[in-house]
């Protein structure tokens, strides 16, 4: 499976997971806070920072009734109209340039999720190196074609999509000119529960589509994200905030800087631990061989005396014969006086 190269950064199983900090609406409509988030993401070790590029008008209609309102007591956004929610959560377009510039200064890759064709055109002007497709837009094939036409890498969240819908999305992107596609396993609930995350889907998606697969994670904490690395996730996207206490539309399921730093560290450790299929002695274990159990003379033995359960034991260290020979040695006579603490070897036997 080929790596995907995003802004000169290779993404694939031979490289540490690519960790994306999603700012979303956690700036609470403050550019200063948005830039602080960029700084904090960089300090926490994120490889990329992602925005969302839309306005309330590009997302929906300004209607405050019926299906245009969120009427779900379990939703974080219960009582909002869609328009008011997107008004509150959007990142003003005039902020994108200073945010992108701050990211470049810090060595962060900056990209965004466009929600319509005008957003793609705008992001092209900013030189966005890649595009993210949100779960709710993964069936918007005209948008997929528009993004694909840029020829840049596309990262697609799979939330709610059937295999048939994902196949259609991938085919549309490929036919539209996109050769670098990454799919993210995603559960589109906010927050998501580990029980509903189903990360065993990750290797299945990889085998099914032959693409790099990652995780867009809305669960609390970092456990699910780290576990996904063991299943082959090469990208992890988590929402990021300076402090959940600051509030914000996504704050409750966002990581704070110390947590994000732990995610970067532990996901790389998980990746390092995968290694390869290996049995037997590793180079780092050679010095530990001496601490295996082996057979030792546990009491002084005179020449001609028999070895017995009273004078031979399997103990540490490991310089004697392996314990598997214990029964065979019992009753054998020694050829010379043997002191307690001598490793048993064949040359001490008659």
Foldseek 3Di string as FASTA:
>chain_A
DAWAAFPNRTFFLVDFFQEEAEAFQQCQPDLVQLLVQLVLCLVLPHQAYEFADDALVLVDDPDQDDPQAAPDPPALRHGHGSSVQRNRGHDPLVSVLVSCVSCVVSNHQYAYEYDDLVRVVSVVVSVRQEYEHECVCLQVLVRLLSRLLVQHEYEYENEPHDPVSNVVSVVSSVVSRHPAYEYAQEHPGAQDAPVPRPLLCQLVVCVVPVHAYAHEHQHAAQPVRLVSVLNRHRYYYFYEHCALVVPTSRSVRGDHSVRSSVNSVSSSVSSVVNPDDDDDDDPVCPVVLQFAWAKFQAAKDAAFDADAPVGIDTHGGHPAHHPVCVVVRGGFGFHGIDHHPGHHDPNRTD
